[in-house]
Amino acid sequence: MLLPSKVLTNPNLIINGGSPTIQKRITEDTGIDTQAFLEVAEVVKSGHTQYWGGGPKTHSLEKSFAKYVGREFAFFHNSGTAALQTALFASGVNEGDSVAVTSSGFIAS
């Protein structure tokens, strides 16, 4: 182990002009789908990432999903909490109504 004072004076270290010990650059598979990344970047650049009804990509995905599950409509949410709120509103639950929930689970319920 080199002491910090010796690092600056060691001629074998690459930072002091020494030769690299690793000749091949190490790469990793990040698991990120390049095409998906580019599509997400396109949505972010559009400025339509968070507003009621979503943007064109959201609408297209909702239509495709609705068709896939055999429904006329699908509506995506940005969180489980938003999905639960929508389900309650769609069921006719109003402020002050009693709703039974499980005794354990996520805080949104």
C-alpha atoms as a PDB file:
ATOM      1  CA  MET A   1       0.000   0.000   0.000  1.00  0.00           C
ATOM      2  CA  LEU A   2       1.326   3.408  -0.960  1.00  0.00           C
ATOM      3  CA  LEU A   3       1.232   6.255   1.485  1.00  0.00           C
ATOM      4  CA  PRO A   4      -0.337   9.427   0.070  1.00  0.00           C
ATOM      5  CA  SER A   5       3.044  11.173   0.107  1.00  0.00           C
ATOM      6  CA  LYS A   6       4.522   8.402  -2.077  1.00  0.00           C
ATOM      7  CA  VAL A   7       1.712   8.443  -4.666  1.00  0.00           C
ATOM      8  CA  LEU A   8       2.813  11.725  -6.205  1.00  0.00           C
ATOM      9  CA  THR A   9       6.400  10.558  -6.588  1.00  0.00           C
ATOM     10  CA  ASN A  10       5.910   6.949  -7.748  1.00  0.00           C
ATOM     11  CA  PRO A  11       6.952   6.850 -11.448  1.00  0.00           C
ATOM     12  CA  ASN A  12       5.184   3.508 -12.019  1.00  0.00           C
ATOM     13  CA  LEU A  13       1.707   5.001 -11.511  1.00  0.00           C
ATOM     14  CA  ILE A  14      -0.123   6.116 -14.644  1.00  0.00           C
ATOM     15  CA  ILE A  15      -0.924   9.495 -13.064  1.00  0.00           C
ATOM     16  CA  ASN A  16       2.837  10.104 -12.980  1.00  0.00           C
ATOM     17  CA  GLY A  17       3.521   8.933 -16.543  1.00  0.00           C
ATOM     18  CA  GLY A  18       3.745   5.192 -15.885  1.00  0.00           C
ATOM     19  CA  SER A  19       2.320   2.563 -18.238  1.00  0.00           C
ATOM     20  CA  PRO A  20      -1.295   1.422 -17.832  1.00  0.00           C
ATOM     21  CA  THR A  21      -1.595  -2.020 -16.255  1.00  0.00           C
ATOM     22  CA  ILE A  22      -4.955  -2.713 -17.883  1.00  0.00           C
ATOM     23  CA  GLN A  23      -4.721  -2.621 -21.666  1.00  0.00           C
ATOM     24  CA  LYS A  24      -8.383  -3.306 -22.482  1.00  0.00           C
ATOM     25  CA  ARG A  25     -11.098  -0.943 -21.342  1.00  0.00           C
ATOM     26  CA  ILE A  26     -13.619  -2.674 -19.115  1.00  0.00           C
ATOM     27  CA  THR A  27     -17.241  -2.308 -20.160  1.00  0.00           C
ATOM     28  CA  GLU A  28     -20.421  -3.452 -18.503  1.00  0.00           C
ATOM     29  CA  ASP A  29     -23.867  -4.421 -19.659  1.00  0.00           C
ATOM     30  CA  THR A  30     -26.145  -1.908 -17.973  1.00  0.00           C
ATOM     31  CA  GLY A  31     -29.266  -3.763 -19.051  1.00  0.00           C
ATOM     32  CA  ILE A  32     -30.662  -0.523 -20.481  1.00  0.00           C
ATOM     33  CA  ASP A  33     -32.508  -1.000 -23.756  1.00  0.00           C
ATOM     34  CA  THR A  34     -31.070   1.696 -26.030  1.00  0.00           C
ATOM     35  CA  GLN A  35     -34.288   2.069 -28.034  1.00  0.00           C
ATOM     36  CA  ALA A  36     -36.377   2.405 -24.868  1.00  0.00           C
ATOM     37  CA  PHE A  37     -33.898   4.967 -23.538  1.00  0.00           C
ATOM     38  CA  LEU A  38     -34.228   7.034 -26.725  1.00  0.00           C
ATOM     39  CA  GLU A  39     -38.022   6.896 -26.555  1.00  0.00           C
ATOM     40  CA  VAL A  40     -38.022   8.029 -22.914  1.00  0.00           C
ATOM     41  CA  ALA A  41     -35.630  10.854 -23.823  1.00  0.00           C
ATOM     42  CA  GLU A  42     -38.044  11.908 -26.591  1.00  0.00           C
ATOM     43  CA  VAL A  43     -40.914  12.119 -24.101  1.00  0.00           C
ATOM     44  CA  VAL A  44     -38.819  14.088 -21.591  1.00  0.00           C
ATOM     45  CA  LYS A  45     -37.728  16.536 -24.315  1.00  0.00           C
ATOM     46  CA  SER A  46     -41.366  17.059 -25.327  1.00  0.00           C
ATOM     47  CA  GLY A  47     -42.133  18.560 -21.929  1.00  0.00           C
ATOM     48  CA  HIS A  48     -45.277  16.405 -21.638  1.00  0.00           C
ATOM     49  CA  THR A  49     -44.167  14.110 -18.849  1.00  0.00           C
ATOM     50  CA  GLN A  50     -46.762  14.935 -16.237  1.00  0.00           C
ATOM     51  CA  TYR A  51     -50.134  16.393 -17.041  1.00  0.00           C
ATOM     52  CA  TRP A  52     -53.714  15.163 -17.015  1.00  0.00           C
ATOM     53  CA  GLY A  53     -54.323  12.752 -19.866  1.00  0.00           C
ATOM     54  CA  GLY A  54     -50.648  12.206 -20.697  1.00  0.00           C
ATOM     55  CA  GLY A  55     -49.015  12.784 -24.040  1.00  0.00           C
ATOM     56  CA  PRO A  56     -49.137  10.984 -27.390  1.00  0.00           C
ATOM     57  CA  LYS A  57     -46.960   8.081 -26.184  1.00  0.00           C
ATOM     58  CA  THR A  58     -49.216   7.579 -23.174  1.00  0.00           C
ATOM     59  CA  HIS A  59     -52.359   7.583 -25.309  1.00  0.00           C
ATOM     60  CA  SER A  60     -50.847   5.094 -27.737  1.00  0.00           C
ATOM     61  CA  LEU A  61     -49.737   2.792 -24.914  1.00  0.00           C
ATOM     62  CA  GLU A  62     -53.136   3.009 -23.188  1.00  0.00           C
ATOM     63  CA  LYS A  63     -54.939   2.082 -26.417  1.00  0.00           C
ATOM     64  CA  SER A  64     -52.586  -0.839 -27.057  1.00  0.00           C
ATOM     65  CA  PHE A  65     -52.963  -2.092 -23.495  1.00  0.00           C
ATOM     66  CA  ALA A  66     -56.771  -1.795 -23.563  1.00  0.00           C
ATOM     67  CA  LYS A  67     -56.873  -3.824 -26.772  1.00  0.00           C
ATOM     68  CA  TYR A  68     -54.478  -6.412 -25.285  1.00  0.00           C
ATOM     69  CA  VAL A  69     -56.689  -6.979 -22.215  1.00  0.00           C
ATOM     70  CA  GLY A  70     -59.921  -6.839 -24.226  1.00  0.00           C
ATOM     71  CA  ARG A  71     -61.244  -3.543 -22.904  1.00  0.00           C
ATOM     72  CA  GLU A  72     -62.371  -0.373 -24.590  1.00  0.00           C
ATOM     73  CA  PHE A  73     -60.257   1.922 -22.413  1.00  0.00           C
ATOM     74  CA  ALA A  74     -57.176   1.850 -20.188  1.00  0.00           C
ATOM     75  CA  PHE A  75     -55.828   4.666 -18.057  1.00  0.00           C
ATOM     76  CA  PHE A  76     -52.272   4.671 -16.754  1.00  0.00           C
ATOM     77  CA  HIS A  77     -51.237   6.261 -13.495  1.00  0.00           C
ATOM     78  CA  ASN A  78     -47.919   7.495 -12.169  1.00  0.00           C
ATOM     79  CA  SER A  79     -48.326   5.711  -8.835  1.00  0.00           C
ATOM     80  CA  GLY A  80     -50.356   3.141  -6.952  1.00  0.00           C
ATOM     81  CA  THR A  81     -51.848   5.936  -4.857  1.00  0.00           C
ATOM     82  CA  ALA A  82     -53.186   7.678  -7.979  1.00  0.00           C
ATOM     83  CA  ALA A  83     -54.641   4.370  -9.196  1.00  0.00           C
ATOM     84  CA  LEU A  84     -56.401   3.809  -5.853  1.00  0.00           C
ATOM     85  CA  GLN A  85     -57.801   7.348  -5.893  1.00  0.00           C
ATOM     86  CA  THR A  86     -59.138   6.854  -9.416  1.00  0.00           C
ATOM     87  CA  ALA A  87     -60.715   3.534  -8.432  1.00  0.00           C
ATOM     88  CA  LEU A  88     -62.443   5.191  -5.461  1.00  0.00           C
ATOM     89  CA  PHE A  89     -63.754   8.079  -7.572  1.00  0.00           C
ATOM     90  CA  ALA A  90     -64.917   5.665 -10.294  1.00  0.00           C
ATOM     91  CA  SER A  91     -66.749   3.627  -7.634  1.00  0.00           C
ATOM     92  CA  GLY A  92     -68.624   6.700  -6.468  1.00  0.00           C
ATOM     93  CA  VAL A  93     -66.831   7.081  -3.141  1.00  0.00           C
ATOM     94  CA  ASN A  94     -67.022  10.641  -1.841  1.00  0.00           C
ATOM     95  CA  GLU A  95     -65.310  12.547   0.936  1.00  0.00           C
ATOM     96  CA  GLY A  96     -66.588  11.312   4.288  1.00  0.00           C
ATOM     97  CA  ASP A  97     -67.655   7.881   3.000  1.00  0.00           C
ATOM     98  CA  SER A  98     -66.394   4.836   4.894  1.00  0.00           C
ATOM     99  CA  VAL A  99     -64.028   2.538   3.039  1.00  0.00           C
ATOM    100  CA  ALA A 100     -62.783  -0.777   4.419  1.00  0.00           C
ATOM    101  CA  VAL A 101     -59.083  -1.524   3.880  1.00  0.00           C
ATOM    102  CA  THR A 102     -56.718  -4.265   4.968  1.00  0.00           C
ATOM    103  CA  SER A 103     -54.975  -3.951   8.327  1.00  0.00           C
ATOM    104  CA  SER A 104     -51.572  -4.180   6.690  1.00  0.00           C
ATOM    105  CA  GLY A 105     -50.137  -2.908   3.464  1.00  0.00           C
ATOM    106  CA  PHE A 106     -48.913   0.232   1.855  1.00  0.00           C
ATOM    107  CA  ILE A 107     -49.855   3.583   3.393  1.00  0.00           C
ATOM    108  CA  ALA A 108     -51.847   4.603   0.288  1.00  0.00           C
ATOM    109  CA  SER A 109     -54.577   2.086   1.096  1.00  0.00           C
END
